[in-house]
Amino acid sequence: MFAAEIRITSDDAPDIISALGPEAGRELPRTKACVRMEGGAGVIELAAADASAMRAALNSYLECVRITEDIGRITR
């Protein structure tokens, strides 16, 4: 089992976690995800059955974080 935790400490953390909530609720093969706010930081916890599933999950969630941050910058 592989595990990773991503902490987001930017001002956009609440928006990012809110946007990722539905994504974390989806069933993905060999992968589990949990997103939450912890203090002022957003936390994404990932668990995967193998390295390939972990790589795919990390790529997916990090891309979602990047897109959400880009949207925040554009709309300010």
PDB file of N, CA and C in Angstrom:
ATOM      1  N   MET A   1       0.854  -1.183   0.000  1.00  0.00           N
ATOM      2  CA  MET A   1       0.000   0.000   0.000  1.00  0.00           C
ATOM      3  C   MET A   1       0.893   1.237   0.000  1.00  0.00           C
ATOM      4  N   PHE A   2       0.554   2.196  -0.827  1.00  0.00           N
ATOM      5  CA  PHE A   2       1.264   3.464  -0.906  1.00  0.00           C
ATOM      6  C   PHE A   2       0.367   4.550  -0.323  1.00  0.00           C
ATOM      7  N   ALA A   3       0.978   5.547   0.328  1.00  0.00           N
ATOM      8  CA  ALA A   3       0.216   6.646   0.913  1.00  0.00           C
ATOM      9  C   ALA A   3       0.948   7.958   0.678  1.00  0.00           C
ATOM     10  N   ALA A   4       0.163   9.026   0.491  1.00  0.00           N
ATOM     11  CA  ALA A   4       0.731  10.361   0.312  1.00  0.00           C
ATOM     12  C   ALA A   4      -0.207  11.375   0.950  1.00  0.00           C
ATOM     13  N   GLU A   5       0.378  12.463   1.425  1.00  0.00           N
ATOM     14  CA  GLU A   5      -0.398  13.568   1.976  1.00  0.00           C
ATOM     15  C   GLU A   5       0.110  14.856   1.346  1.00  0.00           C
ATOM     16  N   ILE A   6      -0.802  15.623   0.803  1.00  0.00           N
ATOM     17  CA  ILE A   6      -0.480  16.916   0.208  1.00  0.00           C
ATOM     18  C   ILE A   6      -1.100  17.983   1.094  1.00  0.00           C
ATOM     19  N   ARG A   7      -0.290  18.963   1.519  1.00  0.00           N
ATOM     20  CA  ARG A   7      -0.784  20.081   2.333  1.00  0.00           C
ATOM     21  C   ARG A   7      -0.745  21.347   1.498  1.00  0.00           C
ATOM     22  N   ILE A   8      -1.844  22.065   1.511  1.00  0.00           N
ATOM     23  CA  ILE A   8      -1.968  23.304   0.746  1.00  0.00           C
ATOM     24  C   ILE A   8      -2.121  24.437   1.745  1.00  0.00           C
ATOM     25  N   THR A   9      -1.161  25.350   1.755  1.00  0.00           N
ATOM     26  CA  THR A   9      -1.166  26.423   2.745  1.00  0.00           C
ATOM     27  C   THR A   9      -1.444  27.790   2.127  1.00  0.00           C
ATOM     28  N   SER A  10      -1.830  27.821   0.869  1.00  0.00           N
ATOM     29  CA  SER A  10      -2.111  29.104   0.222  1.00  0.00           C
ATOM     30  C   SER A  10      -3.466  29.642   0.671  1.00  0.00           C
ATOM     31  N   ASP A  11      -3.718  30.907   0.345  1.00  0.00           N
ATOM     32  CA  ASP A  11      -5.016  31.513   0.649  1.00  0.00           C
ATOM     33  C   ASP A  11      -6.143  30.829  -0.114  1.00  0.00           C
ATOM     34  N   ASP A  12      -5.805  30.110  -1.183  1.00  0.00           N
ATOM     35  CA  ASP A  12      -6.797  29.421  -1.999  1.00  0.00           C
ATOM     36  C   ASP A  12      -7.195  28.057  -1.432  1.00  0.00           C
ATOM     37  N   ALA A  13      -6.589  27.631  -0.329  1.00  0.00           N
ATOM     38  CA  ALA A  13      -6.830  26.285   0.201  1.00  0.00           C
ATOM     39  C   ALA A  13      -8.313  25.959   0.396  1.00  0.00           C
ATOM     40  N   PRO A  14      -9.123  26.838   1.001  1.00  0.00           N
ATOM     41  CA  PRO A  14     -10.541  26.487   1.158  1.00  0.00           C
ATOM     42  C   PRO A  14     -11.257  26.259  -0.179  1.00  0.00           C
ATOM     43  N   ASP A  15     -10.951  27.085  -1.169  1.00  0.00           N
ATOM     44  CA  ASP A  15     -11.573  26.919  -2.485  1.00  0.00           C
ATOM     45  C   ASP A  15     -11.118  25.624  -3.155  1.00  0.00           C
ATOM     46  N   ILE A  16      -9.842  25.304  -3.006  1.00  0.00           N
ATOM     47  CA  ILE A  16      -9.303  24.083  -3.609  1.00  0.00           C
ATOM     48  C   ILE A  16      -9.951  22.860  -2.980  1.00  0.00           C
ATOM     49  N   ILE A  17     -10.030  22.832  -1.662  1.00  0.00           N
ATOM     50  CA  ILE A  17     -10.627  21.683  -0.977  1.00  0.00           C
ATOM     51  C   ILE A  17     -12.104  21.551  -1.332  1.00  0.00           C
ATOM     52  N   SER A  18     -12.794  22.679  -1.418  1.00  0.00           N
ATOM     53  CA  SER A  18     -14.204  22.648  -1.818  1.00  0.00           C
ATOM     54  C   SER A  18     -14.369  22.078  -3.228  1.00  0.00           C
ATOM     55  N   ALA A  19     -13.496  22.489  -4.133  1.00  0.00           N
ATOM     56  CA  ALA A  19     -13.573  22.010  -5.517  1.00  0.00           C
ATOM     57  C   ALA A  19     -13.220  20.528  -5.620  1.00  0.00           C
ATOM     58  N   LEU A  20     -12.329  20.052  -4.773  1.00  0.00           N
ATOM     59  CA  LEU A  20     -11.898  18.658  -4.845  1.00  0.00           C
ATOM     60  C   LEU A  20     -12.818  17.696  -4.111  1.00  0.00           C
ATOM     61  N   GLY A  21     -13.725  18.209  -3.290  1.00  0.00           N
ATOM     62  CA  GLY A  21     -14.622  17.346  -2.523  1.00  0.00           C
ATOM     63  C   GLY A  21     -15.352  16.319  -3.364  1.00  0.00           C
ATOM     64  N   PRO A  22     -16.028  16.738  -4.433  1.00  0.00           N
ATOM     65  CA  PRO A  22     -16.727  15.750  -5.267  1.00  0.00           C
ATOM     66  C   PRO A  22     -15.775  14.748  -5.917  1.00  0.00           C
ATOM     67  N   GLU A  23     -14.595  15.196  -6.280  1.00  0.00           N
ATOM     68  CA  GLU A  23     -13.603  14.304  -6.888  1.00  0.00           C
ATOM     69  C   GLU A  23     -13.185  13.214  -5.910  1.00  0.00           C
ATOM     70  N   ALA A  24     -13.004  13.587  -4.645  1.00  0.00           N
ATOM     71  CA  ALA A  24     -12.581  12.619  -3.630  1.00  0.00           C
ATOM     72  C   ALA A  24     -13.664  11.587  -3.358  1.00  0.00           C
ATOM     73  N   GLY A  25     -14.917  11.938  -3.596  1.00  0.00           N
ATOM     74  CA  GLY A  25     -16.019  11.015  -3.367  1.00  0.00           C
ATOM     75  C   GLY A  25     -16.199   9.981  -4.457  1.00  0.00           C
ATOM     76  N   ARG A  26     -15.527  10.160  -5.578  1.00  0.00           N
ATOM     77  CA  ARG A  26     -15.646   9.208  -6.691  1.00  0.00           C
ATOM     78  C   ARG A  26     -14.895   7.920  -6.389  1.00  0.00           C
ATOM     79  N   GLU A  27     -15.432   6.832  -6.883  1.00  0.00           N
ATOM     80  CA  GLU A  27     -14.753   5.539  -6.763  1.00  0.00           C
ATOM     81  C   GLU A  27     -13.696   5.430  -7.849  1.00  0.00           C
ATOM     82  N   LEU A  28     -12.461   5.231  -7.453  1.00  0.00           N
ATOM     83  CA  LEU A  28     -11.378   5.021  -8.404  1.00  0.00           C
ATOM     84  C   LEU A  28     -10.750   3.658  -8.127  1.00  0.00           C
ATOM     85  N   PRO A  29     -10.452   2.911  -9.165  1.00  0.00           N
ATOM     86  CA  PRO A  29      -9.847   1.603  -8.933  1.00  0.00           C
ATOM     87  C   PRO A  29      -8.517   1.722  -8.189  1.00  0.00           C
ATOM     88  N   ARG A  30      -8.352   0.938  -7.160  1.00  0.00           N
ATOM     89  CA  ARG A  30      -7.095   0.814  -6.409  1.00  0.00           C
ATOM     90  C   ARG A  30      -6.675   2.076  -5.673  1.00  0.00           C
ATOM     91  N   THR A  31      -7.573   3.074  -5.555  1.00  0.00           N
ATOM     92  CA  THR A  31      -7.201   4.351  -4.941  1.00  0.00           C
ATOM     93  C   THR A  31      -8.299   4.854  -4.011  1.00  0.00           C
ATOM     94  N   LYS A  32      -7.897   5.435  -2.872  1.00  0.00           N
ATOM     95  CA  LYS A  32      -8.831   6.111  -1.967  1.00  0.00           C
ATOM     96  C   LYS A  32      -8.292   7.501  -1.703  1.00  0.00           C
ATOM     97  N   ALA A  33      -9.207   8.467  -1.582  1.00  0.00           N
ATOM     98  CA  ALA A  33      -8.806   9.851  -1.341  1.00  0.00           C
ATOM     99  C   ALA A  33      -9.698  10.472  -0.273  1.00  0.00           C
ATOM    100  N   CYS A  34      -9.107  11.373   0.492  1.00  0.00           N
ATOM    101  CA  CYS A  34      -9.835  12.134   1.500  1.00  0.00           C
ATOM    102  C   CYS A  34      -9.316  13.567   1.438  1.00  0.00           C
ATOM    103  N   VAL A  35     -10.227  14.533   1.384  1.00  0.00           N
ATOM    104  CA  VAL A  35      -9.823  15.937   1.394  1.00  0.00           C
ATOM    105  C   VAL A  35     -10.509  16.626   2.566  1.00  0.00           C
ATOM    106  N   ARG A  36      -9.768  17.535   3.213  1.00  0.00           N
ATOM    107  CA  ARG A  36     -10.340  18.241   4.368  1.00  0.00           C
ATOM    108  C   ARG A  36      -9.510  19.484   4.659  1.00  0.00           C
ATOM    109  N   MET A  37     -10.091  20.376   5.414  1.00  0.00           N
ATOM    110  CA  MET A  37      -9.361  21.520   5.955  1.00  0.00           C
ATOM    111  C   MET A  37      -8.873  21.132   7.339  1.00  0.00           C
ATOM    112  N   GLU A  38      -7.645  21.505   7.636  1.00  0.00           N
ATOM    113  CA  GLU A  38      -7.059  21.251   8.949  1.00  0.00           C
ATOM    114  C   GLU A  38      -6.389  22.542   9.384  1.00  0.00           C
ATOM    115  N   GLY A  39      -7.040  23.251  10.291  1.00  0.00           N
ATOM    116  CA  GLY A  39      -6.567  24.586  10.619  1.00  0.00           C
ATOM    117  C   GLY A  39      -6.758  25.458   9.388  1.00  0.00           C
ATOM    118  N   GLY A  40      -5.725  26.141   8.972  1.00  0.00           N
ATOM    119  CA  GLY A  40      -5.817  26.965   7.772  1.00  0.00           C
ATOM    120  C   GLY A  40      -5.308  26.278   6.526  1.00  0.00           C
ATOM    121  N   ALA A  41      -4.929  25.007   6.634  1.00  0.00           N
ATOM    122  CA  ALA A  41      -4.352  24.289   5.498  1.00  0.00           C
ATOM    123  C   ALA A  41      -5.345  23.281   4.929  1.00  0.00           C
ATOM    124  N   GLY A  42      -5.274  23.117   3.621  1.00  0.00           N
ATOM    125  CA  GLY A  42      -6.030  22.058   2.972  1.00  0.00           C
ATOM    126  C   GLY A  42      -5.183  20.801   2.960  1.00  0.00           C
ATOM    127  N   VAL A  43      -5.818  19.661   3.191  1.00  0.00           N
ATOM    128  CA  VAL A  43      -5.098  18.391   3.224  1.00  0.00           C
ATOM    129  C   VAL A  43      -5.760  17.423   2.255  1.00  0.00           C
ATOM    130  N   ILE A  44      -4.932  16.820   1.409  1.00  0.00           N
ATOM    131  CA  ILE A  44      -5.377  15.765   0.509  1.00  0.00           C
ATOM    132  C   ILE A  44      -4.620  14.507   0.911  1.00  0.00           C
ATOM    133  N   GLU A  45      -5.347  13.478   1.333  1.00  0.00           N
ATOM    134  CA  GLU A  45      -4.725  12.203   1.689  1.00  0.00           C
ATOM    135  C   GLU A  45      -5.060  11.198   0.601  1.00  0.00           C
ATOM    136  N   LEU A  46      -4.045  10.529   0.101  1.00  0.00           N
ATOM    137  CA  LEU A  46      -4.229   9.527  -0.935  1.00  0.00           C
ATOM    138  C   LEU A  46      -3.660   8.196  -0.465  1.00  0.00           C
ATOM    139  N   ALA A  47      -4.349   7.116  -0.790  1.00  0.00           N
ATOM    140  CA  ALA A  47      -3.858   5.764  -0.543  1.00  0.00           C
ATOM    141  C   ALA A  47      -4.095   4.976  -1.825  1.00  0.00           C
ATOM    142  N   ALA A  48      -3.093   4.202  -2.217  1.00  0.00           N
ATOM    143  CA  ALA A  48      -3.207   3.444  -3.458  1.00  0.00           C
ATOM    144  C   ALA A  48      -2.611   2.058  -3.284  1.00  0.00           C
ATOM    145  N   ALA A  49      -3.140   1.123  -4.032  1.00  0.00           N
ATOM    146  CA  ALA A  49      -2.704  -0.262  -3.928  1.00  0.00           C
ATOM    147  C   ALA A  49      -1.328  -0.491  -4.528  1.00  0.00           C
ATOM    148  N   ASP A  50      -0.935   0.340  -5.503  1.00  0.00           N
ATOM    149  CA  ASP A  50       0.360   0.144  -6.155  1.00  0.00           C
ATOM    150  C   ASP A  50       0.898   1.490  -6.649  1.00  0.00           C
ATOM    151  N   ALA A  51       2.149   1.472  -7.080  1.00  0.00           N
ATOM    152  CA  ALA A  51       2.825   2.706  -7.493  1.00  0.00           C
ATOM    153  C   ALA A  51       2.151   3.347  -8.699  1.00  0.00           C
ATOM    154  N   SER A  52       1.675   2.550  -9.616  1.00  0.00           N
ATOM    155  CA  SER A  52       1.024   3.093 -10.808  1.00  0.00           C
ATOM    156  C   SER A  52      -0.256   3.843 -10.445  1.00  0.00           C
ATOM    157  N   ALA A  53      -1.053   3.283  -9.559  1.00  0.00           N
ATOM    158  CA  ALA A  53      -2.284   3.939  -9.117  1.00  0.00           C
ATOM    159  C   ALA A  53      -1.965   5.215  -8.339  1.00  0.00           C
ATOM    160  N   MET A  54      -0.905   5.194  -7.528  1.00  0.00           N
ATOM    161  CA  MET A  54      -0.511   6.386  -6.774  1.00  0.00           C
ATOM    162  C   MET A  54      -0.063   7.495  -7.723  1.00  0.00           C
ATOM    163  N   ARG A  55       0.733   7.148  -8.722  1.00  0.00           N
ATOM    164  CA  ARG A  55       1.197   8.144  -9.688  1.00  0.00           C
ATOM    165  C   ARG A  55       0.016   8.791 -10.389  1.00  0.00           C
ATOM    166  N   ALA A  56      -0.940   7.986 -10.816  1.00  0.00           N
ATOM    167  CA  ALA A  56      -2.115   8.516 -11.496  1.00  0.00           C
ATOM    168  C   ALA A  56      -2.926   9.429 -10.573  1.00  0.00           C
ATOM    169  N   ALA A  57      -3.103   9.022  -9.324  1.00  0.00           N
ATOM    170  CA  ALA A  57      -3.868   9.837  -8.378  1.00  0.00           C
ATOM    171  C   ALA A  57      -3.159  11.152  -8.087  1.00  0.00           C
ATOM    172  N   LEU A  58      -1.853  11.106  -7.856  1.00  0.00           N
ATOM    173  CA  LEU A  58      -1.097  12.334  -7.600  1.00  0.00           C
ATOM    174  C   LEU A  58      -1.175  13.282  -8.785  1.00  0.00           C
ATOM    175  N   ASN A  59      -0.978  12.750  -9.983  1.00  0.00           N
ATOM    176  CA  ASN A  59      -1.072  13.599 -11.181  1.00  0.00           C
ATOM    177  C   ASN A  59      -2.446  14.245 -11.284  1.00  0.00           C
ATOM    178  N   SER A  60      -3.486  13.479 -11.056  1.00  0.00           N
ATOM    179  CA  SER A  60      -4.848  13.983 -11.175  1.00  0.00           C
ATOM    180  C   SER A  60      -5.140  15.076 -10.147  1.00  0.00           C
ATOM    181  N   TYR A  61      -4.827  14.811  -8.882  1.00  0.00           N
ATOM    182  CA  TYR A  61      -5.125  15.786  -7.837  1.00  0.00           C
ATOM    183  C   TYR A  61      -4.265  17.041  -7.956  1.00  0.00           C
ATOM    184  N   LEU A  62      -2.994  16.882  -8.279  1.00  0.00           N
ATOM    185  CA  LEU A  62      -2.136  18.061  -8.433  1.00  0.00           C
ATOM    186  C   LEU A  62      -2.583  18.919  -9.612  1.00  0.00           C
ATOM    187  N   GLU A  63      -3.049  18.297 -10.679  1.00  0.00           N
ATOM    188  CA  GLU A  63      -3.573  19.065 -11.815  1.00  0.00           C
ATOM    189  C   GLU A  63      -4.844  19.814 -11.412  1.00  0.00           C
ATOM    190  N   CYS A  64      -5.704  19.190 -10.629  1.00  0.00           N
ATOM    191  CA  CYS A  64      -6.906  19.874 -10.146  1.00  0.00           C
ATOM    192  C   CYS A  64      -6.543  21.062  -9.260  1.00  0.00           C
ATOM    193  N   VAL A  65      -5.530  20.911  -8.416  1.00  0.00           N
ATOM    194  CA  VAL A  65      -5.066  22.018  -7.571  1.00  0.00           C
ATOM    195  C   VAL A  65      -4.579  23.159  -8.451  1.00  0.00           C
ATOM    196  N   ARG A  66      -3.772  22.849  -9.452  1.00  0.00           N
ATOM    197  CA  ARG A  66      -3.233  23.876 -10.343  1.00  0.00           C
ATOM    198  C   ARG A  66      -4.347  24.618 -11.074  1.00  0.00           C
ATOM    199  N   ILE A  67      -5.313  23.897 -11.587  1.00  0.00           N
ATOM    200  CA  ILE A  67      -6.420  24.518 -12.317  1.00  0.00           C
ATOM    201  C   ILE A  67      -7.230  25.429 -11.396  1.00  0.00           C
ATOM    202  N   THR A  68      -7.513  24.965 -10.181  1.00  0.00           N
ATOM    203  CA  THR A  68      -8.275  25.774  -9.233  1.00  0.00           C
ATOM    204  C   THR A  68      -7.519  27.053  -8.869  1.00  0.00           C
ATOM    205  N   GLU A  69      -6.200  26.941  -8.664  1.00  0.00           N
ATOM    206  CA  GLU A  69      -5.408  28.131  -8.373  1.00  0.00           C
ATOM    207  C   GLU A  69      -5.405  29.093  -9.570  1.00  0.00           C
ATOM    208  N   ASP A  70      -5.302  28.560 -10.781  1.00  0.00           N
ATOM    209  CA  ASP A  70      -5.338  29.398 -11.983  1.00  0.00           C
ATOM    210  C   ASP A  70      -6.674  30.146 -12.102  1.00  0.00           C
ATOM    211  N   ILE A  71      -7.759  29.455 -11.846  1.00  0.00           N
ATOM    212  CA  ILE A  71      -9.080  30.084 -11.902  1.00  0.00           C
ATOM    213  C   ILE A  71      -9.176  31.189 -10.854  1.00  0.00           C
ATOM    214  N   GLY A  72      -8.653  30.934  -9.655  1.00  0.00           N
ATOM    215  CA  GLY A  72      -8.655  31.958  -8.598  1.00  0.00           C
ATOM    216  C   GLY A  72      -7.895  33.204  -9.010  1.00  0.00           C
ATOM    217  N   ARG A  73      -6.734  33.018  -9.645  1.00  0.00           N
ATOM    218  CA  ARG A  73      -5.943  34.170 -10.112  1.00  0.00           C
ATOM    219  C   ARG A  73      -6.678  34.941 -11.204  1.00  0.00           C
ATOM    220  N   ILE A  74      -7.295  34.229 -12.105  1.00  0.00           N
ATOM    221  CA  ILE A  74      -7.987  34.882 -13.233  1.00  0.00           C
ATOM    222  C   ILE A  74      -9.188  35.693 -12.732  1.00  0.00           C
ATOM    223  N   THR A  75      -9.901  35.177 -11.752  1.00  0.00           N
ATOM    224  CA  THR A  75     -11.125  35.832 -11.300  1.00  0.00           C
ATOM    225  C   THR A  75     -10.899  36.932 -10.265  1.00  0.00           C
ATOM    226  N   ARG A  76      -9.686  37.103  -9.808  1.00  0.00           N
ATOM    227  CA  ARG A  76      -9.423  38.180  -8.831  1.00  0.00           C
ATOM    228  C   ARG A  76      -9.275  39.490  -9.519  1.00  0.00           C
TER     229      ARG A  76
END
